[in-house]
Amino acid sequence: MVNTMSNDLYKYENELYSSGIKFIGGVDEVGRGPLIGDVVAACVVLPSSFVLEGLTDSKKLSEKKRDLFYDYIINNCIAYGIGSVTPAEIDKINIYEASRKAMMIAIKKVREQIPLEYALVDAMPLPDLDIPSTSIIKGDAKSISIAAASVVAKVTRDRMMYDLDKKYPKYGFASHKGYPTKKHIEAINKYGIIDGYRKTYGPVKKVMEEIK
């Protein structure tokens, strides 16, 4: 069944539905830029009838809207999976490969639930994937499935940062989510590096070198 909404967000999905493909996974990751915490990816499979007015790239949505959309997506999707890769592994294999690995984990979790037939992936090619896929630049603004995955990944990672904020309130993780803002840099200069920082990232390396 093709979604009859005229919105361009359905273009990729509708072409695949028309060719008889039913289970399409939208895949996106969040958290390449932060100095601390996991990189998180989500794979979301939506029904062809799925409609959520206003859904787009998660970065363009308010936090309140993201939270509402997150609940709606996970309650109305066919399947979803979340993959994450730790800071230690990011330091070991680099953020690009870690992002790809997180995506592959998220896809694997979906494939444990349903026979996924196709993946629409935000920007990143997945050469190890054994099902057809399309890599779409700025996919979270062009595909409804990738937009849904971007929301699920973003909310998941933000909640990790809220948990970290409760543990280490002086660092301000609830506000900057681990990104290298001025306040965050000031905090690590003042309080030092705690577990979970990405040690290969410039601002973190700099503080560690100064401690030596």
N, C-alpha and C. Protein backbone atom coordinates (compact mmCIF):
# COMPACT_ATOMS: atom_id res chain seq x y z
N MET A 1 0.85 -1.20 0.00
CA MET A 1 0.00 0.00 0.00
C MET A 1 0.89 1.25 0.00
N VAL A 2 0.65 2.14 -0.94
CA VAL A 2 1.40 3.38 -1.05
C VAL A 2 0.74 4.44 -0.17
N ASN A 3 1.56 5.22 0.55
CA ASN A 3 1.01 6.32 1.33
C ASN A 3 0.59 7.43 0.37
N THR A 4 -0.65 7.87 0.49
CA THR A 4 -1.18 8.85 -0.46
C THR A 4 -0.87 10.30 -0.08
N MET A 5 -0.21 10.49 1.05
CA MET A 5 0.19 11.85 1.44
C MET A 5 1.11 12.42 0.36
N SER A 6 0.92 13.66 -0.03
CA SER A 6 1.72 14.26 -1.09
C SER A 6 3.10 14.71 -0.60
N ASN A 7 3.28 14.73 0.72
CA ASN A 7 4.53 15.17 1.32
C ASN A 7 5.74 14.46 0.70
N ASP A 8 6.77 15.24 0.36
CA ASP A 8 7.99 14.68 -0.23
C ASP A 8 8.68 13.67 0.68
N LEU A 9 8.39 13.74 1.99
CA LEU A 9 9.00 12.81 2.93
C LEU A 9 8.66 11.35 2.63
N TYR A 10 7.62 11.12 1.86
CA TYR A 10 7.19 9.75 1.56
C TYR A 10 7.73 9.23 0.22
N LYS A 11 8.48 10.06 -0.49
CA LYS A 11 8.92 9.73 -1.85
C LYS A 11 9.67 8.39 -1.92
N TYR A 12 10.73 8.28 -1.12
CA TYR A 12 11.55 7.05 -1.15
C TYR A 12 10.73 5.83 -0.74
N GLU A 13 9.97 5.99 0.34
CA GLU A 13 9.16 4.86 0.82
C GLU A 13 8.12 4.44 -0.21
N ASN A 14 7.43 5.43 -0.82
CA ASN A 14 6.39 5.10 -1.79
C ASN A 14 6.93 4.35 -3.01
N GLU A 15 8.13 4.74 -3.45
CA GLU A 15 8.75 4.03 -4.58
C GLU A 15 9.01 2.57 -4.22
N LEU A 16 9.45 2.34 -2.98
CA LEU A 16 9.73 0.97 -2.53
C LEU A 16 8.44 0.18 -2.31
N TYR A 17 7.43 0.84 -1.72
CA TYR A 17 6.13 0.16 -1.55
C TYR A 17 5.57 -0.25 -2.91
N SER A 18 5.71 0.62 -3.92
CA SER A 18 5.19 0.35 -5.27
C SER A 18 5.86 -0.86 -5.91
N SER A 19 7.11 -1.11 -5.49
CA SER A 19 7.83 -2.26 -6.06
C SER A 19 7.59 -3.54 -5.25
N GLY A 20 6.70 -3.46 -4.27
CA GLY A 20 6.32 -4.65 -3.51
C GLY A 20 7.08 -4.84 -2.20
N ILE A 21 7.95 -3.89 -1.86
CA ILE A 21 8.71 -3.99 -0.60
C ILE A 21 7.85 -3.45 0.54
N LYS A 22 7.80 -4.22 1.63
CA LYS A 22 6.91 -3.88 2.74
C LYS A 22 7.67 -3.34 3.95
N PHE A 23 8.79 -3.99 4.29
CA PHE A 23 9.50 -3.63 5.52
C PHE A 23 10.75 -2.80 5.20
N ILE A 24 10.61 -1.49 5.41
CA ILE A 24 11.68 -0.52 5.10
C ILE A 24 12.17 0.08 6.41
N GLY A 25 13.46 -0.03 6.65
CA GLY A 25 14.03 0.53 7.88
C GLY A 25 14.68 1.88 7.61
N GLY A 26 14.25 2.91 8.32
CA GLY A 26 14.94 4.19 8.29
C GLY A 26 16.02 4.17 9.35
N VAL A 27 17.23 4.59 9.00
CA VAL A 27 18.36 4.48 9.93
C VAL A 27 19.06 5.83 10.07
N ASP A 28 19.30 6.25 11.31
CA ASP A 28 20.01 7.50 11.56
C ASP A 28 20.78 7.38 12.88
N GLU A 29 21.81 8.22 13.02
CA GLU A 29 22.57 8.22 14.27
C GLU A 29 22.64 9.63 14.83
N VAL A 30 22.96 9.72 16.11
CA VAL A 30 23.15 11.00 16.76
C VAL A 30 24.32 10.88 17.73
N GLY A 31 25.05 11.98 17.87
CA GLY A 31 26.10 11.98 18.89
C GLY A 31 27.50 11.84 18.35
N ARG A 32 27.74 12.29 17.13
CA ARG A 32 29.12 12.27 16.62
C ARG A 32 29.96 13.36 17.26
N GLY A 33 29.34 14.53 17.50
CA GLY A 33 30.09 15.69 17.95
C GLY A 33 30.37 15.81 19.44
N PRO A 34 29.56 15.20 20.33
CA PRO A 34 29.79 15.38 21.76
C PRO A 34 31.15 14.85 22.23
N LEU A 35 31.61 15.40 23.34
CA LEU A 35 32.89 15.00 23.91
C LEU A 35 32.75 13.79 24.83
N ILE A 36 31.52 13.46 25.17
CA ILE A 36 31.27 12.40 26.15
C ILE A 36 30.08 11.55 25.74
N GLY A 37 30.08 10.30 26.17
CA GLY A 37 28.94 9.42 25.96
C GLY A 37 28.97 8.64 24.66
N ASP A 38 28.00 7.74 24.54
CA ASP A 38 27.90 6.86 23.38
C ASP A 38 27.44 7.62 22.13
N VAL A 39 27.78 7.06 20.97
CA VAL A 39 27.10 7.44 19.75
C VAL A 39 25.92 6.47 19.62
N VAL A 40 24.75 7.00 19.29
CA VAL A 40 23.51 6.20 19.31
C VAL A 40 22.84 6.21 17.94
N ALA A 41 22.41 5.04 17.49
CA ALA A 41 21.69 4.94 16.22
C ALA A 41 20.34 4.27 16.45
N ALA A 42 19.40 4.57 15.56
CA ALA A 42 18.10 3.90 15.60
C ALA A 42 17.73 3.44 14.20
N CYS A 43 17.03 2.31 14.15
CA CYS A 43 16.42 1.82 12.92
C CYS A 43 14.93 1.70 13.20
N VAL A 44 14.11 2.36 12.38
CA VAL A 44 12.66 2.38 12.59
C VAL A 44 11.94 1.92 11.32
N VAL A 45 11.02 1.00 11.48
CA VAL A 45 10.20 0.51 10.37
C VAL A 45 8.76 0.98 10.60
N LEU A 46 8.27 1.80 9.68
CA LEU A 46 6.92 2.36 9.82
C LEU A 46 5.92 1.62 8.93
N PRO A 47 4.65 1.59 9.32
CA PRO A 47 3.64 1.07 8.41
C PRO A 47 3.43 2.05 7.26
N SER A 48 2.98 1.57 6.12
CA SER A 48 2.79 2.45 4.95
C SER A 48 1.74 3.52 5.20
N SER A 49 0.86 3.29 6.16
CA SER A 49 -0.21 4.26 6.47
C SER A 49 0.23 5.30 7.49
N PHE A 50 1.48 5.24 7.93
CA PHE A 50 1.95 6.11 9.01
C PHE A 50 1.88 7.59 8.63
N VAL A 51 1.29 8.39 9.51
CA VAL A 51 1.24 9.85 9.32
C VAL A 51 1.55 10.51 10.65
N LEU A 52 2.47 11.48 10.63
CA LEU A 52 2.76 12.28 11.81
C LEU A 52 3.11 13.68 11.34
N GLU A 53 2.13 14.56 11.41
CA GLU A 53 2.31 15.93 10.92
C GLU A 53 3.45 16.62 11.67
N GLY A 54 4.35 17.23 10.92
CA GLY A 54 5.43 17.99 11.55
C GLY A 54 6.70 17.20 11.76
N LEU A 55 6.66 15.89 11.48
CA LEU A 55 7.87 15.08 11.67
C LEU A 55 8.93 15.47 10.64
N THR A 56 10.13 15.74 11.14
CA THR A 56 11.26 16.10 10.29
C THR A 56 12.54 15.78 11.05
N ASP A 57 13.66 16.24 10.55
CA ASP A 57 14.95 16.11 11.22
C ASP A 57 14.80 16.51 12.69
N SER A 58 15.23 15.62 13.61
CA SER A 58 15.02 15.84 15.05
C SER A 58 15.64 17.14 15.55
N LYS A 59 16.73 17.58 14.89
CA LYS A 59 17.41 18.81 15.33
C LYS A 59 16.54 20.06 15.12
N LYS A 60 15.54 19.94 14.24
CA LYS A 60 14.67 21.08 13.94
C LYS A 60 13.43 21.11 14.84
N LEU A 61 13.29 20.13 15.71
CA LEU A 61 12.11 20.04 16.58
C LEU A 61 12.46 20.50 17.99
N SER A 62 11.48 21.05 18.68
CA SER A 62 11.70 21.39 20.09
C SER A 62 11.80 20.09 20.90
N GLU A 63 12.41 20.20 22.06
CA GLU A 63 12.55 19.00 22.91
C GLU A 63 11.20 18.42 23.29
N LYS A 64 10.27 19.29 23.59
CA LYS A 64 8.92 18.83 23.97
C LYS A 64 8.28 18.04 22.82
N LYS A 65 8.43 18.57 21.61
CA LYS A 65 7.84 17.91 20.44
C LYS A 65 8.54 16.59 20.17
N ARG A 66 9.87 16.58 20.31
CA ARG A 66 10.63 15.32 20.11
C ARG A 66 10.14 14.23 21.05
N ASP A 67 9.91 14.60 22.31
CA ASP A 67 9.45 13.61 23.30
C ASP A 67 8.07 13.06 22.92
N LEU A 68 7.19 13.96 22.48
CA LEU A 68 5.84 13.53 22.06
C LEU A 68 5.93 12.62 20.83
N PHE A 69 6.76 13.04 19.86
CA PHE A 69 6.92 12.26 18.63
C PHE A 69 7.57 10.91 18.92
N TYR A 70 8.53 10.88 19.83
CA TYR A 70 9.20 9.63 20.21
C TYR A 70 8.15 8.61 20.68
N ASP A 71 7.29 9.03 21.61
CA ASP A 71 6.26 8.12 22.13
C ASP A 71 5.34 7.65 21.01
N TYR A 72 4.94 8.58 20.14
CA TYR A 72 4.03 8.22 19.06
C TYR A 72 4.69 7.22 18.10
N ILE A 73 5.96 7.48 17.77
CA ILE A 73 6.68 6.62 16.81
C ILE A 73 6.84 5.20 17.37
N ILE A 74 7.32 5.09 18.61
CA ILE A 74 7.56 3.73 19.11
C ILE A 74 6.25 2.96 19.36
N ASN A 75 5.16 3.70 19.57
CA ASN A 75 3.87 3.04 19.77
C ASN A 75 3.14 2.71 18.47
N ASN A 76 3.58 3.32 17.36
CA ASN A 76 2.87 3.11 16.10
C ASN A 76 3.74 2.53 14.98
N CYS A 77 5.00 2.26 15.28
CA CYS A 77 5.86 1.65 14.25
C CYS A 77 5.66 0.14 14.21
N ILE A 78 6.17 -0.48 13.17
CA ILE A 78 6.13 -1.95 13.06
C ILE A 78 7.21 -2.54 13.95
N ALA A 79 8.39 -1.92 13.92
CA ALA A 79 9.52 -2.38 14.74
C ALA A 79 10.54 -1.25 14.85
N TYR A 80 11.33 -1.29 15.92
CA TYR A 80 12.46 -0.36 16.01
C TYR A 80 13.58 -1.01 16.80
N GLY A 81 14.80 -0.56 16.53
CA GLY A 81 15.96 -1.06 17.25
C GLY A 81 16.91 0.09 17.53
N ILE A 82 17.62 0.00 18.64
CA ILE A 82 18.59 1.03 19.01
C ILE A 82 19.96 0.39 19.18
N GLY A 83 20.98 1.03 18.61
CA GLY A 83 22.35 0.56 18.76
C GLY A 83 23.21 1.67 19.32
N SER A 84 24.15 1.32 20.19
CA SER A 84 25.05 2.36 20.70
C SER A 84 26.46 1.80 20.80
N VAL A 85 27.43 2.71 20.68
CA VAL A 85 28.84 2.34 20.78
C VAL A 85 29.49 3.26 21.81
N THR A 86 30.27 2.67 22.70
CA THR A 86 30.83 3.38 23.85
C THR A 86 31.98 4.32 23.47
N PRO A 87 32.26 5.28 24.35
CA PRO A 87 33.39 6.18 24.11
C PRO A 87 34.72 5.44 23.94
N ALA A 88 34.93 4.38 24.72
CA ALA A 88 36.19 3.61 24.61
C ALA A 88 36.35 3.04 23.21
N GLU A 89 35.23 2.56 22.65
CA GLU A 89 35.30 2.00 21.30
C GLU A 89 35.42 3.09 20.24
N ILE A 90 34.77 4.22 20.49
CA ILE A 90 34.91 5.38 19.59
C ILE A 90 36.39 5.76 19.49
N ASP A 91 37.06 5.82 20.64
CA ASP A 91 38.48 6.16 20.67
C ASP A 91 39.32 5.12 19.92
N LYS A 92 38.86 3.89 19.97
CA LYS A 92 39.62 2.80 19.35
C LYS A 92 39.44 2.74 17.82
N ILE A 93 38.20 2.90 17.35
CA ILE A 93 37.94 2.66 15.91
C ILE A 93 37.60 3.94 15.14
N ASN A 94 37.45 5.05 15.78
CA ASN A 94 37.10 6.39 15.27
C ASN A 94 35.58 6.56 15.17
N ILE A 95 35.14 7.80 15.21
CA ILE A 95 33.71 8.10 15.31
C ILE A 95 32.93 7.68 14.07
N TYR A 96 33.55 7.77 12.90
CA TYR A 96 32.86 7.38 11.67
C TYR A 96 32.51 5.89 11.71
N GLU A 97 33.51 5.07 12.03
CA GLU A 97 33.28 3.62 12.10
C GLU A 97 32.35 3.26 13.25
N ALA A 98 32.46 4.00 14.36
CA ALA A 98 31.58 3.74 15.50
C ALA A 98 30.12 4.05 15.16
N SER A 99 29.91 5.13 14.39
CA SER A 99 28.55 5.48 13.95
C SER A 99 27.98 4.38 13.07
N ARG A 100 28.80 3.90 12.16
CA ARG A 100 28.39 2.81 11.27
C ARG A 100 28.06 1.54 12.07
N LYS A 101 28.89 1.25 13.07
CA LYS A 101 28.66 0.06 13.90
C LYS A 101 27.35 0.18 14.68
N ALA A 102 27.09 1.38 15.22
CA ALA A 102 25.84 1.61 15.96
C ALA A 102 24.63 1.38 15.06
N MET A 103 24.73 1.85 13.81
CA MET A 103 23.65 1.63 12.83
C MET A 103 23.44 0.14 12.56
N MET A 104 24.52 -0.59 12.40
CA MET A 104 24.42 -2.02 12.11
C MET A 104 23.79 -2.78 13.29
N ILE A 105 24.10 -2.35 14.51
CA ILE A 105 23.51 -2.97 15.71
C ILE A 105 22.00 -2.70 15.73
N ALA A 106 21.61 -1.45 15.44
CA ALA A 106 20.18 -1.08 15.43
C ALA A 106 19.43 -1.91 14.38
N ILE A 107 20.03 -2.06 13.21
CA ILE A 107 19.41 -2.85 12.13
C ILE A 107 19.28 -4.31 12.54
N LYS A 108 20.32 -4.85 13.17
CA LYS A 108 20.31 -6.26 13.62
C LYS A 108 19.15 -6.50 14.60
N LYS A 109 18.93 -5.53 15.49
CA LYS A 109 17.85 -5.66 16.48
C LYS A 109 16.48 -5.69 15.80
N VAL A 110 16.33 -4.89 14.74
CA VAL A 110 15.07 -4.90 13.99
C VAL A 110 14.90 -6.24 13.28
N ARG A 111 15.99 -6.75 12.71
CA ARG A 111 15.91 -8.01 11.95
C ARG A 111 15.63 -9.21 12.85
N GLU A 112 15.83 -9.04 14.13
CA GLU A 112 15.45 -10.10 15.09
C GLU A 112 13.94 -10.12 15.30
N GLN A 113 13.27 -9.03 14.88
CA GLN A 113 11.81 -8.93 15.07
C GLN A 113 11.02 -9.18 13.78
N ILE A 114 11.55 -8.67 12.65
CA ILE A 114 10.84 -8.77 11.37
C ILE A 114 11.83 -9.03 10.23
N PRO A 115 11.34 -9.52 9.09
CA PRO A 115 12.23 -9.73 7.94
C PRO A 115 12.47 -8.44 7.16
N LEU A 116 13.36 -7.60 7.68
CA LEU A 116 13.65 -6.31 7.04
C LEU A 116 14.10 -6.53 5.60
N GLU A 117 13.54 -5.73 4.67
CA GLU A 117 13.85 -5.92 3.25
C GLU A 117 14.74 -4.83 2.66
N TYR A 118 14.72 -3.65 3.29
CA TYR A 118 15.43 -2.52 2.68
C TYR A 118 15.78 -1.51 3.78
N ALA A 119 16.91 -0.83 3.63
CA ALA A 119 17.30 0.21 4.58
C ALA A 119 17.51 1.54 3.87
N LEU A 120 16.91 2.58 4.41
CA LEU A 120 17.17 3.96 3.97
C LEU A 120 18.02 4.59 5.06
N VAL A 121 19.23 4.99 4.70
CA VAL A 121 20.22 5.38 5.70
C VAL A 121 20.61 6.84 5.53
N ASP A 122 20.66 7.57 6.64
CA ASP A 122 21.06 8.97 6.57
C ASP A 122 22.56 9.08 6.28
N ALA A 123 22.88 9.53 5.08
CA ALA A 123 24.24 9.91 4.66
C ALA A 123 25.27 8.79 4.54
N MET A 124 25.21 7.81 5.40
CA MET A 124 26.30 6.86 5.50
C MET A 124 26.06 5.55 4.74
N PRO A 125 26.95 5.17 3.81
CA PRO A 125 26.82 3.86 3.17
C PRO A 125 27.14 2.74 4.16
N LEU A 126 26.43 1.65 4.04
CA LEU A 126 26.67 0.49 4.91
C LEU A 126 27.07 -0.71 4.04
N PRO A 127 28.35 -0.79 3.66
CA PRO A 127 28.79 -1.83 2.73
C PRO A 127 28.66 -3.26 3.25
N ASP A 128 28.60 -3.42 4.58
CA ASP A 128 28.51 -4.78 5.14
C ASP A 128 27.07 -5.29 5.23
N LEU A 129 26.12 -4.44 4.89
CA LEU A 129 24.72 -4.84 4.98
C LEU A 129 24.35 -5.78 3.84
N ASP A 130 23.68 -6.90 4.18
CA ASP A 130 23.38 -7.91 3.16
C ASP A 130 21.96 -7.79 2.59
N ILE A 131 21.34 -6.63 2.80
CA ILE A 131 20.06 -6.33 2.13
C ILE A 131 20.25 -5.01 1.38
N PRO A 132 19.42 -4.73 0.38
CA PRO A 132 19.58 -3.47 -0.36
C PRO A 132 19.40 -2.25 0.55
N SER A 133 20.14 -1.19 0.23
CA SER A 133 20.02 0.04 1.01
C SER A 133 20.31 1.25 0.12
N THR A 134 19.83 2.39 0.54
CA THR A 134 20.13 3.65 -0.12
C THR A 134 20.62 4.63 0.92
N SER A 135 21.76 5.26 0.64
CA SER A 135 22.30 6.29 1.51
C SER A 135 21.81 7.64 0.99
N ILE A 136 21.16 8.42 1.84
CA ILE A 136 20.55 9.68 1.43
C ILE A 136 21.16 10.84 2.22
N ILE A 137 21.82 11.75 1.51
CA ILE A 137 22.36 12.94 2.17
C ILE A 137 21.20 13.78 2.71
N LYS A 138 21.33 14.22 3.98
CA LYS A 138 20.25 14.94 4.67
C LYS A 138 18.95 14.11 4.65
N GLY A 139 19.11 12.82 4.81
CA GLY A 139 17.97 11.89 4.74
C GLY A 139 16.91 12.16 5.78
N ASP A 140 17.30 12.72 6.94
CA ASP A 140 16.31 12.97 7.99
C ASP A 140 15.33 14.08 7.61
N ALA A 141 15.63 14.81 6.52
CA ALA A 141 14.68 15.82 6.02
C ALA A 141 14.02 15.38 4.72
N LYS A 142 14.36 14.16 4.25
CA LYS A 142 13.85 13.68 2.95
C LYS A 142 13.08 12.36 3.03
N SER A 143 13.20 11.66 4.15
CA SER A 143 12.54 10.35 4.28
C SER A 143 11.84 10.29 5.63
N ILE A 144 10.56 9.90 5.61
CA ILE A 144 9.78 9.81 6.85
C ILE A 144 10.37 8.78 7.81
N SER A 145 10.91 7.68 7.25
CA SER A 145 11.49 6.62 8.10
C SER A 145 12.77 7.08 8.77
N ILE A 146 13.62 7.80 8.01
CA ILE A 146 14.86 8.32 8.60
C ILE A 146 14.55 9.42 9.62
N ALA A 147 13.56 10.26 9.32
CA ALA A 147 13.15 11.30 10.27
C ALA A 147 12.70 10.67 11.59
N ALA A 148 11.94 9.59 11.50
CA ALA A 148 11.49 8.87 12.70
C ALA A 148 12.68 8.31 13.47
N ALA A 149 13.64 7.73 12.74
CA ALA A 149 14.84 7.18 13.39
C ALA A 149 15.66 8.28 14.06
N SER A 150 15.71 9.46 13.44
CA SER A 150 16.49 10.57 14.01
C SER A 150 15.89 11.00 15.35
N VAL A 151 14.56 11.00 15.44
CA VAL A 151 13.89 11.37 16.69
C VAL A 151 14.16 10.32 17.77
N VAL A 152 14.02 9.04 17.42
CA VAL A 152 14.24 7.96 18.39
C VAL A 152 15.68 7.97 18.90
N ALA A 153 16.63 8.15 18.00
CA ALA A 153 18.05 8.17 18.40
C ALA A 153 18.35 9.39 19.28
N LYS A 154 17.85 10.55 18.89
CA LYS A 154 18.13 11.79 19.63
C LYS A 154 17.55 11.74 21.03
N VAL A 155 16.30 11.32 21.16
CA VAL A 155 15.66 11.26 22.49
C VAL A 155 16.38 10.24 23.37
N THR A 156 16.74 9.10 22.77
CA THR A 156 17.46 8.06 23.53
C THR A 156 18.77 8.61 24.09
N ARG A 157 19.54 9.29 23.23
CA ARG A 157 20.84 9.80 23.69
C ARG A 157 20.68 10.94 24.69
N ASP A 158 19.72 11.82 24.45
CA ASP A 158 19.48 12.93 25.39
C ASP A 158 19.14 12.39 26.78
N ARG A 159 18.38 11.31 26.83
CA ARG A 159 18.01 10.74 28.13
C ARG A 159 19.23 10.15 28.84
N MET A 160 20.18 9.63 28.05
CA MET A 160 21.45 9.17 28.64
C MET A 160 22.18 10.34 29.29
N MET A 161 22.12 11.50 28.61
CA MET A 161 22.79 12.69 29.13
C MET A 161 22.11 13.22 30.39
N TYR A 162 20.78 13.09 30.47
CA TYR A 162 20.07 13.50 31.69
C TYR A 162 20.47 12.61 32.86
N ASP A 163 20.64 11.32 32.58
CA ASP A 163 21.09 10.41 33.64
C ASP A 163 22.49 10.78 34.12
N LEU A 164 23.35 11.13 33.18
CA LEU A 164 24.72 11.53 33.53
C LEU A 164 24.71 12.85 34.32
N ASP A 165 23.78 13.73 33.96
CA ASP A 165 23.67 15.01 34.65
C ASP A 165 23.30 14.82 36.11
N LYS A 166 22.46 13.84 36.39
CA LYS A 166 22.06 13.56 37.78
C LYS A 166 23.28 13.10 38.60
N LYS A 167 24.16 12.39 37.93
CA LYS A 167 25.35 11.85 38.59
C LYS A 167 26.44 12.93 38.76
N TYR A 168 26.57 13.78 37.74
CA TYR A 168 27.61 14.82 37.75
C TYR A 168 27.01 16.18 37.38
N PRO A 169 26.21 16.76 38.30
CA PRO A 169 25.48 18.00 37.96
C PRO A 169 26.37 19.20 37.61
N LYS A 170 27.60 19.22 38.11
CA LYS A 170 28.48 20.38 37.89
C LYS A 170 28.87 20.55 36.42
N TYR A 171 28.75 19.49 35.62
CA TYR A 171 29.20 19.56 34.23
C TYR A 171 28.16 20.13 33.26
N GLY A 172 26.90 20.16 33.70
CA GLY A 172 25.84 20.76 32.87
C GLY A 172 25.38 19.92 31.69
N PHE A 173 25.47 18.59 31.82
CA PHE A 173 25.11 17.72 30.69
C PHE A 173 23.66 17.87 30.23
N ALA A 174 22.77 18.23 31.16
CA ALA A 174 21.36 18.38 30.80
C ALA A 174 21.15 19.51 29.79
N SER A 175 22.01 20.53 29.85
CA SER A 175 21.82 21.65 28.92
C SER A 175 22.59 21.47 27.61
N HIS A 176 23.86 21.05 27.68
CA HIS A 176 24.64 20.98 26.43
C HIS A 176 24.72 19.59 25.81
N LYS A 177 24.21 18.58 26.52
CA LYS A 177 24.15 17.19 26.01
C LYS A 177 25.52 16.64 25.61
N GLY A 178 26.57 17.20 26.19
CA GLY A 178 27.92 16.69 25.91
C GLY A 178 28.64 17.38 24.78
N TYR A 179 27.94 18.26 24.07
CA TYR A 179 28.60 18.98 22.96
C TYR A 179 29.60 19.99 23.51
N PRO A 180 30.61 20.36 22.70
CA PRO A 180 31.69 21.22 23.19
C PRO A 180 31.33 22.70 23.25
N THR A 181 30.34 23.03 24.07
CA THR A 181 29.96 24.43 24.25
C THR A 181 30.99 25.13 25.15
N LYS A 182 30.93 26.44 25.19
CA LYS A 182 31.84 27.21 26.04
C LYS A 182 31.73 26.77 27.51
N LYS A 183 30.49 26.62 27.99
CA LYS A 183 30.28 26.21 29.38
C LYS A 183 30.82 24.81 29.66
N HIS A 184 30.67 23.93 28.68
CA HIS A 184 31.16 22.56 28.86
C HIS A 184 32.69 22.56 28.93
N ILE A 185 33.33 23.30 28.04
CA ILE A 185 34.81 23.39 28.05
C ILE A 185 35.28 23.97 29.39
N GLU A 186 34.58 24.99 29.85
CA GLU A 186 34.93 25.59 31.15
C GLU A 186 34.80 24.56 32.28
N ALA A 187 33.75 23.74 32.22
CA ALA A 187 33.52 22.72 33.26
C ALA A 187 34.63 21.67 33.27
N ILE A 188 35.04 21.20 32.08
CA ILE A 188 36.09 20.17 32.09
C ILE A 188 37.44 20.76 32.49
N ASN A 189 37.66 22.04 32.18
CA ASN A 189 38.89 22.69 32.63
C ASN A 189 38.90 22.83 34.15
N LYS A 190 37.72 23.06 34.71
CA LYS A 190 37.61 23.28 36.17
C LYS A 190 37.57 21.98 36.96
N TYR A 191 36.77 21.01 36.46
CA TYR A 191 36.53 19.80 37.26
C TYR A 191 37.27 18.56 36.75
N GLY A 192 37.86 18.66 35.56
CA GLY A 192 38.62 17.52 35.04
C GLY A 192 37.77 16.55 34.23
N ILE A 193 38.42 15.48 33.82
CA ILE A 193 37.80 14.49 32.94
C ILE A 193 37.27 13.32 33.77
N ILE A 194 35.99 12.99 33.57
CA ILE A 194 35.39 11.83 34.25
C ILE A 194 35.26 10.67 33.26
N ASP A 195 34.90 9.52 33.77
CA ASP A 195 34.69 8.34 32.90
C ASP A 195 33.64 8.66 31.85
N GLY A 196 33.88 8.20 30.63
CA GLY A 196 32.90 8.40 29.57
C GLY A 196 33.29 9.46 28.56
N TYR A 197 34.36 10.19 28.86
CA TYR A 197 34.82 11.17 27.87
C TYR A 197 35.56 10.47 26.73
N ARG A 198 35.46 11.06 25.54
CA ARG A 198 36.14 10.53 24.35
C ARG A 198 37.56 11.11 24.33
N LYS A 199 38.51 10.29 24.67
CA LYS A 199 39.87 10.79 24.91
C LYS A 199 40.61 11.20 23.65
N THR A 200 40.10 10.81 22.49
CA THR A 200 40.76 11.21 21.24
C THR A 200 40.23 12.55 20.72
N TYR A 201 39.21 13.10 21.38
CA TYR A 201 38.64 14.37 20.94
C TYR A 201 39.49 15.54 21.46
N GLY A 202 39.74 16.51 20.58
CA GLY A 202 40.66 17.61 20.85
C GLY A 202 40.54 18.28 22.21
N PRO A 203 39.36 18.82 22.58
CA PRO A 203 39.25 19.53 23.87
C PRO A 203 39.54 18.62 25.07
N VAL A 204 39.19 17.33 24.94
CA VAL A 204 39.44 16.37 26.03
C VAL A 204 40.94 16.08 26.12
N LYS A 205 41.56 15.84 24.96
CA LYS A 205 43.00 15.59 24.90
C LYS A 205 43.77 16.75 25.53
N LYS A 206 43.33 17.96 25.22
CA LYS A 206 44.00 19.17 25.71
C LYS A 206 43.99 19.21 27.25
N VAL A 207 42.83 18.94 27.83
CA VAL A 207 42.71 18.96 29.30
C VAL A 207 43.58 17.85 29.90
N MET A 208 43.57 16.67 29.29
CA MET A 208 44.37 15.56 29.80
C MET A 208 45.87 15.86 29.73
N GLU A 209 46.27 16.52 28.66
CA GLU A 209 47.69 16.89 28.52
C GLU A 209 48.10 17.93 29.57
N GLU A 210 47.20 18.82 29.87
CA GLU A 210 47.49 19.86 30.88
C GLU A 210 47.60 19.26 32.27
N ILE A 211 46.81 18.19 32.53
CA ILE A 211 46.88 17.51 33.81
C ILE A 211 48.25 16.84 34.00
N LYS A 212 48.78 16.30 32.88
CA LYS A 212 50.10 15.66 32.94
C LYS A 212 51.17 16.67 33.33
